[in-house]
């Protein structure tokens, strides 16, 4: 082997050994995060339904399936975003993710406060439930992703 090939090989080996990211472990963390967020919101859906009568015409809370789908999609996006941040920002991934998540949470309130009141069957109580579900999902996702180390 030439000197250049040897140094390139050693650089590649060192880079691979010091990668701050275990894909298999993070995949399990991501799957667990999505599951926990869905479970928390579904549980809240049923608890809130005991306190507030959902209007069957209000499609967003008509079935728990809507809650599940609308939790799974953002949770998957959040897991993928955090994986990218861990890969590219290293030690600061948790802080950056927490900031981005806070901004996205606030932005997610906008449709619930502007559009949802115009949907047939909506009520202030049901809108409050939707807003609470946003907070629950965000809290579970941020807590699980940022507290568990993604390192080897």
N, C-alpha and C. Protein backbone atom coordinates (compact mmCIF):
# COMPACT_ATOMS: atom_id res chain seq x y z
N UNK A 1 0.83 -1.18 0.00
CA UNK A 1 0.00 0.00 0.00
C UNK A 1 0.87 1.24 0.00
N UNK A 2 0.45 2.22 -0.73
CA UNK A 2 1.20 3.47 -0.73
C UNK A 2 0.87 4.26 0.53
N UNK A 3 1.68 5.27 0.78
CA UNK A 3 1.47 6.08 1.98
C UNK A 3 0.12 6.80 1.93
N UNK A 4 -0.26 7.28 0.76
CA UNK A 4 -1.54 7.97 0.64
C UNK A 4 -2.72 7.04 0.90
N UNK A 5 -2.64 5.83 0.35
CA UNK A 5 -3.72 4.87 0.55
C UNK A 5 -3.82 4.47 2.02
N UNK A 6 -2.68 4.29 2.67
CA UNK A 6 -2.67 3.93 4.08
C UNK A 6 -3.26 5.03 4.94
N UNK A 7 -2.86 6.28 4.69
CA UNK A 7 -3.39 7.38 5.50
C UNK A 7 -4.89 7.57 5.24
N UNK A 8 -5.34 7.38 4.00
CA UNK A 8 -6.76 7.47 3.70
C UNK A 8 -7.53 6.37 4.43
N UNK A 9 -6.97 5.16 4.43
CA UNK A 9 -7.61 4.04 5.12
C UNK A 9 -7.71 4.32 6.63
N UNK A 10 -6.60 4.77 7.23
CA UNK A 10 -6.60 5.04 8.66
C UNK A 10 -7.56 6.18 9.01
N UNK A 11 -7.62 7.20 8.15
CA UNK A 11 -8.56 8.29 8.39
C UNK A 11 -10.00 7.78 8.35
N UNK A 12 -10.29 6.91 7.39
CA UNK A 12 -11.64 6.35 7.28
C UNK A 12 -11.97 5.49 8.49
N UNK A 13 -11.02 4.67 8.94
CA UNK A 13 -11.25 3.82 10.11
C UNK A 13 -11.48 4.68 11.34
N UNK A 14 -10.66 5.69 11.56
CA UNK A 14 -10.83 6.55 12.73
C UNK A 14 -12.17 7.28 12.68
N UNK A 15 -12.54 7.77 11.50
CA UNK A 15 -13.81 8.48 11.36
C UNK A 15 -14.98 7.54 11.66
N UNK A 16 -14.91 6.31 11.18
CA UNK A 16 -15.97 5.34 11.42
C UNK A 16 -16.06 4.98 12.89
N UNK A 17 -14.90 4.80 13.54
CA UNK A 17 -14.89 4.43 14.95
C UNK A 17 -15.41 5.55 15.83
N UNK A 18 -15.19 6.79 15.43
CA UNK A 18 -15.59 7.90 16.30
C UNK A 18 -16.94 8.50 15.91
N UNK A 19 -17.66 7.84 15.04
CA UNK A 19 -18.97 8.37 14.67
C UNK A 19 -19.84 8.45 15.92
N UNK A 20 -20.48 9.59 16.11
CA UNK A 20 -21.23 9.80 17.34
C UNK A 20 -22.64 9.22 17.30
N UNK A 21 -22.87 8.24 16.46
CA UNK A 21 -24.23 7.88 16.14
C UNK A 21 -24.32 6.38 15.90
N UNK A 22 -25.18 5.71 16.60
CA UNK A 22 -25.44 4.29 16.37
C UNK A 22 -26.81 4.18 15.71
N UNK A 23 -26.82 3.84 14.44
CA UNK A 23 -28.05 3.83 13.68
C UNK A 23 -29.07 2.85 14.25
N UNK A 24 -28.64 1.65 14.61
CA UNK A 24 -29.57 0.66 15.15
C UNK A 24 -30.19 1.10 16.45
N UNK A 25 -29.37 1.63 17.33
CA UNK A 25 -29.87 2.10 18.62
C UNK A 25 -30.80 3.30 18.44
N UNK A 26 -30.44 4.19 17.53
CA UNK A 26 -31.30 5.36 17.30
C UNK A 26 -32.61 4.96 16.65
N UNK A 27 -32.58 3.94 15.79
CA UNK A 27 -33.82 3.46 15.16
C UNK A 27 -34.79 2.96 16.23
N UNK A 28 -34.27 2.24 17.21
CA UNK A 28 -35.13 1.78 18.31
C UNK A 28 -35.65 2.95 19.14
N UNK A 29 -34.78 3.91 19.38
CA UNK A 29 -35.20 5.11 20.12
C UNK A 29 -36.29 5.85 19.34
N UNK A 30 -36.11 5.98 18.05
CA UNK A 30 -37.10 6.66 17.22
C UNK A 30 -38.43 5.93 17.21
N UNK A 31 -38.37 4.63 17.06
CA UNK A 31 -39.60 3.83 17.08
C UNK A 31 -40.30 3.95 18.43
N UNK A 32 -39.54 3.87 19.50
CA UNK A 32 -40.10 4.03 20.84
C UNK A 32 -40.69 5.41 21.05
N UNK A 33 -40.05 6.42 20.50
CA UNK A 33 -40.55 7.78 20.63
C UNK A 33 -41.88 7.95 19.92
N UNK A 34 -41.97 7.45 18.69
CA UNK A 34 -43.22 7.54 17.94
C UNK A 34 -44.32 6.78 18.69
N UNK A 35 -44.01 5.58 19.15
CA UNK A 35 -45.00 4.78 19.88
C UNK A 35 -45.46 5.49 21.15
N UNK A 36 -44.52 6.05 21.91
CA UNK A 36 -44.87 6.72 23.17
C UNK A 36 -45.73 7.96 22.92
N UNK A 37 -45.42 8.72 21.88
CA UNK A 37 -46.21 9.91 21.57
C UNK A 37 -47.64 9.52 21.16
N UNK A 38 -47.75 8.48 20.35
CA UNK A 38 -49.08 8.01 19.93
C UNK A 38 -49.85 7.48 21.14
N UNK A 39 -49.19 6.71 21.97
CA UNK A 39 -49.85 6.16 23.16
C UNK A 39 -50.32 7.28 24.09
N UNK A 40 -49.48 8.26 24.33
CA UNK A 40 -49.84 9.37 25.22
C UNK A 40 -51.03 10.15 24.67
N UNK A 41 -51.00 10.46 23.37
CA UNK A 41 -52.11 11.22 22.80
C UNK A 41 -53.39 10.40 22.72
N UNK A 42 -53.28 9.12 22.44
CA UNK A 42 -54.48 8.28 22.39
C UNK A 42 -55.09 8.14 23.78
N UNK A 43 -54.24 7.96 24.77
CA UNK A 43 -54.73 7.90 26.15
C UNK A 43 -55.42 9.21 26.53
N UNK A 44 -54.82 10.32 26.17
CA UNK A 44 -55.44 11.62 26.46
C UNK A 44 -56.75 11.78 25.69
N UNK A 45 -56.82 11.27 24.47
CA UNK A 45 -58.05 11.32 23.68
C UNK A 45 -59.20 10.69 24.45
N UNK A 46 -58.94 9.51 25.02
CA UNK A 46 -60.00 8.81 25.75
C UNK A 46 -60.32 9.49 27.08
N UNK A 47 -59.32 9.98 27.78
CA UNK A 47 -59.57 10.69 29.04
C UNK A 47 -60.39 11.95 28.78
N UNK A 48 -60.00 12.70 27.75
CA UNK A 48 -60.71 13.94 27.43
C UNK A 48 -62.13 13.66 26.94
N UNK A 49 -62.33 12.53 26.28
CA UNK A 49 -63.68 12.21 25.80
C UNK A 49 -64.64 11.92 26.96
N UNK A 50 -64.08 11.53 28.10
CA UNK A 50 -64.92 11.33 29.28
C UNK A 50 -65.33 12.67 29.89
N UNK A 51 -64.55 13.71 29.61
CA UNK A 51 -64.84 15.03 30.17
C UNK A 51 -65.59 15.95 29.22
N UNK A 52 -65.34 15.78 27.93
CA UNK A 52 -65.93 16.63 26.90
C UNK A 52 -66.61 15.74 25.88
N UNK A 53 -67.84 16.01 25.58
CA UNK A 53 -68.55 15.23 24.56
C UNK A 53 -68.09 15.71 23.19
N UNK A 54 -67.42 14.81 22.45
CA UNK A 54 -66.96 15.16 21.11
C UNK A 54 -68.14 15.21 20.16
N UNK A 55 -68.20 16.26 19.38
CA UNK A 55 -69.24 16.39 18.36
C UNK A 55 -68.87 15.45 17.21
N UNK A 56 -69.76 14.53 16.83
CA UNK A 56 -69.44 13.59 15.75
C UNK A 56 -69.18 14.29 14.41
N UNK A 57 -69.67 15.51 14.26
CA UNK A 57 -69.42 16.27 13.04
C UNK A 57 -68.04 16.90 12.99
N UNK A 58 -67.38 16.94 14.13
CA UNK A 58 -66.03 17.52 14.21
C UNK A 58 -65.03 16.42 13.86
N UNK A 59 -64.64 16.41 12.61
CA UNK A 59 -63.87 15.30 12.06
C UNK A 59 -62.52 15.07 12.76
N UNK A 60 -61.93 16.11 13.30
CA UNK A 60 -60.59 15.99 13.90
C UNK A 60 -60.58 15.13 15.16
N UNK A 61 -61.71 15.08 15.83
CA UNK A 61 -61.80 14.25 17.04
C UNK A 61 -62.89 13.18 16.91
N UNK A 62 -63.31 12.92 15.69
CA UNK A 62 -64.39 11.95 15.48
C UNK A 62 -63.99 10.54 15.89
N UNK A 63 -62.75 10.16 15.63
CA UNK A 63 -62.26 8.83 16.00
C UNK A 63 -60.84 8.94 16.53
N UNK A 64 -60.38 7.97 17.30
CA UNK A 64 -58.99 8.00 17.74
C UNK A 64 -58.00 7.80 16.58
N UNK A 65 -58.49 7.27 15.48
CA UNK A 65 -57.61 7.08 14.32
C UNK A 65 -57.01 8.38 13.81
N UNK A 66 -57.80 9.45 13.83
CA UNK A 66 -57.29 10.75 13.42
C UNK A 66 -56.17 11.22 14.34
N UNK A 67 -56.35 10.99 15.63
CA UNK A 67 -55.33 11.36 16.60
C UNK A 67 -54.04 10.58 16.35
N UNK A 68 -54.19 9.30 16.06
CA UNK A 68 -53.02 8.45 15.83
C UNK A 68 -52.27 8.91 14.59
N UNK A 69 -52.99 9.10 13.49
CA UNK A 69 -52.34 9.51 12.23
C UNK A 69 -51.68 10.88 12.38
N UNK A 70 -52.38 11.80 13.02
CA UNK A 70 -51.84 13.15 13.15
C UNK A 70 -50.74 13.25 14.22
N UNK A 71 -50.49 12.18 14.93
CA UNK A 71 -49.36 12.13 15.85
C UNK A 71 -48.19 11.40 15.20
N UNK A 72 -48.47 10.33 14.47
CA UNK A 72 -47.41 9.53 13.84
C UNK A 72 -46.59 10.36 12.86
N UNK A 73 -47.27 11.09 11.97
CA UNK A 73 -46.56 11.82 10.92
C UNK A 73 -45.57 12.85 11.49
N UNK A 74 -45.99 13.75 12.38
CA UNK A 74 -45.03 14.71 12.92
C UNK A 74 -43.95 14.04 13.79
N UNK A 75 -44.30 12.96 14.46
CA UNK A 75 -43.31 12.27 15.29
C UNK A 75 -42.20 11.68 14.42
N UNK A 76 -42.56 11.11 13.29
CA UNK A 76 -41.55 10.56 12.37
C UNK A 76 -40.67 11.68 11.84
N UNK A 77 -41.28 12.79 11.46
CA UNK A 77 -40.49 13.94 10.99
C UNK A 77 -39.53 14.41 12.08
N UNK A 78 -40.02 14.47 13.31
CA UNK A 78 -39.17 14.90 14.43
C UNK A 78 -37.99 13.95 14.65
N UNK A 79 -38.24 12.66 14.57
CA UNK A 79 -37.16 11.68 14.74
C UNK A 79 -36.13 11.84 13.63
N UNK A 80 -36.57 12.01 12.41
CA UNK A 80 -35.64 12.19 11.29
C UNK A 80 -34.85 13.49 11.43
N UNK A 81 -35.53 14.54 11.86
CA UNK A 81 -34.84 15.82 12.09
C UNK A 81 -33.78 15.67 13.17
N UNK A 82 -34.13 15.02 14.26
CA UNK A 82 -33.17 14.86 15.35
C UNK A 82 -31.98 13.99 14.91
N UNK A 83 -32.25 12.97 14.11
CA UNK A 83 -31.15 12.14 13.60
C UNK A 83 -30.20 12.98 12.77
N UNK A 84 -30.75 13.84 11.93
CA UNK A 84 -29.90 14.73 11.14
C UNK A 84 -29.12 15.69 12.00
N UNK A 85 -29.76 16.23 13.02
CA UNK A 85 -29.07 17.16 13.92
C UNK A 85 -27.95 16.47 14.69
N UNK A 86 -28.20 15.25 15.14
CA UNK A 86 -27.16 14.50 15.86
C UNK A 86 -25.97 14.28 14.93
N UNK A 87 -26.26 13.96 13.69
CA UNK A 87 -25.20 13.67 12.73
C UNK A 87 -24.39 14.92 12.38
N UNK A 88 -25.06 16.07 12.26
CA UNK A 88 -24.38 17.25 11.76
C UNK A 88 -24.03 18.30 12.80
N UNK A 89 -24.71 18.30 13.95
CA UNK A 89 -24.37 19.30 14.96
C UNK A 89 -23.74 18.69 16.20
N UNK A 90 -23.72 17.37 16.29
CA UNK A 90 -23.03 16.69 17.39
C UNK A 90 -23.58 17.03 18.76
N UNK A 91 -22.72 17.60 19.59
CA UNK A 91 -23.07 17.85 20.99
C UNK A 91 -24.25 18.80 21.17
N UNK A 92 -24.48 19.65 20.21
CA UNK A 92 -25.51 20.67 20.35
C UNK A 92 -26.87 20.24 19.79
N UNK A 93 -26.98 19.00 19.40
CA UNK A 93 -28.21 18.52 18.75
C UNK A 93 -29.43 18.70 19.66
N UNK A 94 -29.30 18.36 20.92
CA UNK A 94 -30.45 18.44 21.84
C UNK A 94 -30.91 19.88 22.00
N UNK A 95 -29.99 20.79 22.13
CA UNK A 95 -30.35 22.20 22.29
C UNK A 95 -31.02 22.74 21.02
N UNK A 96 -30.42 22.47 19.88
CA UNK A 96 -30.97 22.94 18.61
C UNK A 96 -32.35 22.33 18.38
N UNK A 97 -32.48 21.03 18.66
CA UNK A 97 -33.77 20.35 18.48
C UNK A 97 -34.82 20.94 19.41
N UNK A 98 -34.47 21.23 20.63
CA UNK A 98 -35.43 21.81 21.58
C UNK A 98 -35.91 23.18 21.11
N UNK A 99 -35.01 23.97 20.57
CA UNK A 99 -35.38 25.30 20.06
C UNK A 99 -36.31 25.16 18.85
N UNK A 100 -35.92 24.30 17.90
CA UNK A 100 -36.75 24.09 16.71
C UNK A 100 -38.12 23.55 17.12
N UNK A 101 -38.13 22.62 18.06
CA UNK A 101 -39.40 22.03 18.51
C UNK A 101 -40.31 23.06 19.16
N UNK A 102 -39.74 23.96 19.92
CA UNK A 102 -40.54 25.02 20.55
C UNK A 102 -41.18 25.92 19.50
N UNK A 103 -40.40 26.27 18.50
CA UNK A 103 -40.92 27.12 17.43
C UNK A 103 -42.01 26.39 16.66
N UNK A 104 -41.77 25.13 16.32
CA UNK A 104 -42.77 24.35 15.58
C UNK A 104 -44.04 24.16 16.41
N UNK A 105 -43.89 23.95 17.71
CA UNK A 105 -45.07 23.81 18.57
C UNK A 105 -45.92 25.07 18.53
N UNK A 106 -45.29 26.21 18.66
CA UNK A 106 -46.03 27.47 18.61
C UNK A 106 -46.71 27.65 17.25
N UNK A 107 -45.98 27.33 16.18
CA UNK A 107 -46.56 27.44 14.84
C UNK A 107 -47.72 26.46 14.64
N UNK A 108 -47.65 25.30 15.30
CA UNK A 108 -48.72 24.32 15.15
C UNK A 108 -50.03 24.77 15.79
N UNK A 109 -49.95 25.75 16.67
CA UNK A 109 -51.16 26.29 17.28
C UNK A 109 -51.95 27.17 16.31
N UNK A 110 -51.29 27.74 15.33
CA UNK A 110 -51.93 28.71 14.44
C UNK A 110 -53.16 28.13 13.74
N UNK A 111 -53.06 26.95 13.08
CA UNK A 111 -54.28 26.43 12.45
C UNK A 111 -55.38 26.11 13.45
N UNK A 112 -54.99 25.63 14.63
CA UNK A 112 -56.00 25.29 15.64
C UNK A 112 -56.73 26.53 16.15
N UNK A 113 -56.06 27.66 16.12
CA UNK A 113 -56.67 28.89 16.62
C UNK A 113 -57.32 29.73 15.52
N UNK A 114 -56.96 29.47 14.26
CA UNK A 114 -57.52 30.26 13.17
C UNK A 114 -58.49 29.47 12.29
N UNK A 115 -58.08 28.29 11.84
CA UNK A 115 -58.90 27.51 10.92
C UNK A 115 -59.91 26.61 11.65
N UNK A 116 -59.47 25.91 12.66
CA UNK A 116 -60.32 24.92 13.33
C UNK A 116 -61.62 25.52 13.87
N UNK A 117 -61.63 26.75 14.39
CA UNK A 117 -62.92 27.29 14.84
C UNK A 117 -63.98 27.41 13.74
N UNK A 118 -63.55 27.41 12.49
CA UNK A 118 -64.51 27.51 11.38
C UNK A 118 -65.03 26.14 10.93
N UNK A 119 -64.44 25.07 11.45
CA UNK A 119 -64.85 23.72 11.07
C UNK A 119 -66.17 23.39 11.75
N UNK A 120 -67.13 22.83 11.00
CA UNK A 120 -68.42 22.48 11.62
C UNK A 120 -68.25 21.51 12.79
N UNK A 121 -68.93 21.81 13.87
CA UNK A 121 -68.90 20.94 15.05
C UNK A 121 -67.82 21.28 16.05
N UNK A 122 -66.98 22.26 15.73
CA UNK A 122 -65.89 22.58 16.67
C UNK A 122 -66.44 23.38 17.85
N UNK A 123 -65.76 23.21 18.97
CA UNK A 123 -66.10 23.98 20.17
C UNK A 123 -64.79 24.39 20.84
N UNK A 124 -64.88 25.34 21.74
CA UNK A 124 -63.69 25.79 22.44
C UNK A 124 -63.03 24.64 23.21
N UNK A 125 -63.84 23.79 23.80
CA UNK A 125 -63.30 22.66 24.57
C UNK A 125 -62.55 21.69 23.65
N UNK A 126 -63.10 21.42 22.49
CA UNK A 126 -62.43 20.51 21.56
C UNK A 126 -61.14 21.12 21.02
N UNK A 127 -61.14 22.42 20.79
CA UNK A 127 -59.92 23.10 20.35
C UNK A 127 -58.87 23.03 21.45
N UNK A 128 -59.29 23.21 22.69
CA UNK A 128 -58.35 23.09 23.81
C UNK A 128 -57.75 21.69 23.88
N UNK A 129 -58.56 20.69 23.57
CA UNK A 129 -58.06 19.31 23.56
C UNK A 129 -57.01 19.14 22.46
N UNK A 130 -57.28 19.69 21.29
CA UNK A 130 -56.30 19.61 20.20
C UNK A 130 -54.99 20.29 20.58
N UNK A 131 -55.08 21.46 21.17
CA UNK A 131 -53.88 22.18 21.59
C UNK A 131 -53.10 21.39 22.65
N UNK A 132 -53.83 20.79 23.56
CA UNK A 132 -53.18 19.97 24.59
C UNK A 132 -52.49 18.77 23.97
N UNK A 133 -53.10 18.19 22.95
CA UNK A 133 -52.47 17.06 22.26
C UNK A 133 -51.16 17.47 21.59
N UNK A 134 -51.11 18.69 21.06
CA UNK A 134 -49.86 19.19 20.48
C UNK A 134 -48.78 19.24 21.57
N UNK A 135 -49.15 19.77 22.72
CA UNK A 135 -48.19 19.91 23.81
C UNK A 135 -47.74 18.54 24.32
N UNK A 136 -48.67 17.61 24.45
CA UNK A 136 -48.33 16.26 24.92
C UNK A 136 -47.36 15.60 23.95
N UNK A 137 -47.68 15.64 22.67
CA UNK A 137 -46.79 15.01 21.67
C UNK A 137 -45.42 15.65 21.70
N UNK A 138 -45.38 16.98 21.73
CA UNK A 138 -44.09 17.68 21.74
C UNK A 138 -43.28 17.32 22.98
N UNK A 139 -43.93 17.28 24.13
CA UNK A 139 -43.22 16.97 25.38
C UNK A 139 -42.64 15.56 25.34
N UNK A 140 -43.43 14.61 24.90
CA UNK A 140 -42.95 13.22 24.84
C UNK A 140 -41.80 13.09 23.84
N UNK A 141 -41.97 13.66 22.67
CA UNK A 141 -40.95 13.54 21.62
C UNK A 141 -39.65 14.20 22.03
N UNK A 142 -39.73 15.43 22.50
CA UNK A 142 -38.50 16.15 22.88
C UNK A 142 -37.82 15.46 24.06
N UNK A 143 -38.59 15.07 25.03
CA UNK A 143 -38.00 14.42 26.22
C UNK A 143 -37.31 13.11 25.85
N UNK A 144 -37.98 12.29 25.08
CA UNK A 144 -37.41 10.98 24.75
C UNK A 144 -36.17 11.12 23.87
N UNK A 145 -36.24 11.98 22.87
CA UNK A 145 -35.10 12.08 21.95
C UNK A 145 -33.90 12.76 22.58
N UNK A 146 -34.13 13.80 23.35
CA UNK A 146 -32.99 14.56 23.88
C UNK A 146 -32.42 13.98 25.16
N UNK A 147 -33.16 13.14 25.86
CA UNK A 147 -32.62 12.61 27.11
C UNK A 147 -31.88 11.30 26.93
N UNK A 148 -32.18 10.56 25.88
CA UNK A 148 -31.49 9.28 25.65
C UNK A 148 -30.28 9.53 24.76
N UNK A 149 -29.11 9.08 25.18
CA UNK A 149 -27.93 9.31 24.35
C UNK A 149 -27.99 8.47 23.08
N UNK A 150 -27.69 9.12 21.97
CA UNK A 150 -27.65 8.42 20.67
C UNK A 150 -26.24 7.92 20.37
N UNK A 151 -25.37 8.08 21.34
CA UNK A 151 -23.98 7.68 21.13
C UNK A 151 -23.83 6.20 21.42
N UNK A 152 -22.72 5.63 20.94
CA UNK A 152 -22.44 4.21 21.16
C UNK A 152 -22.12 3.93 22.59
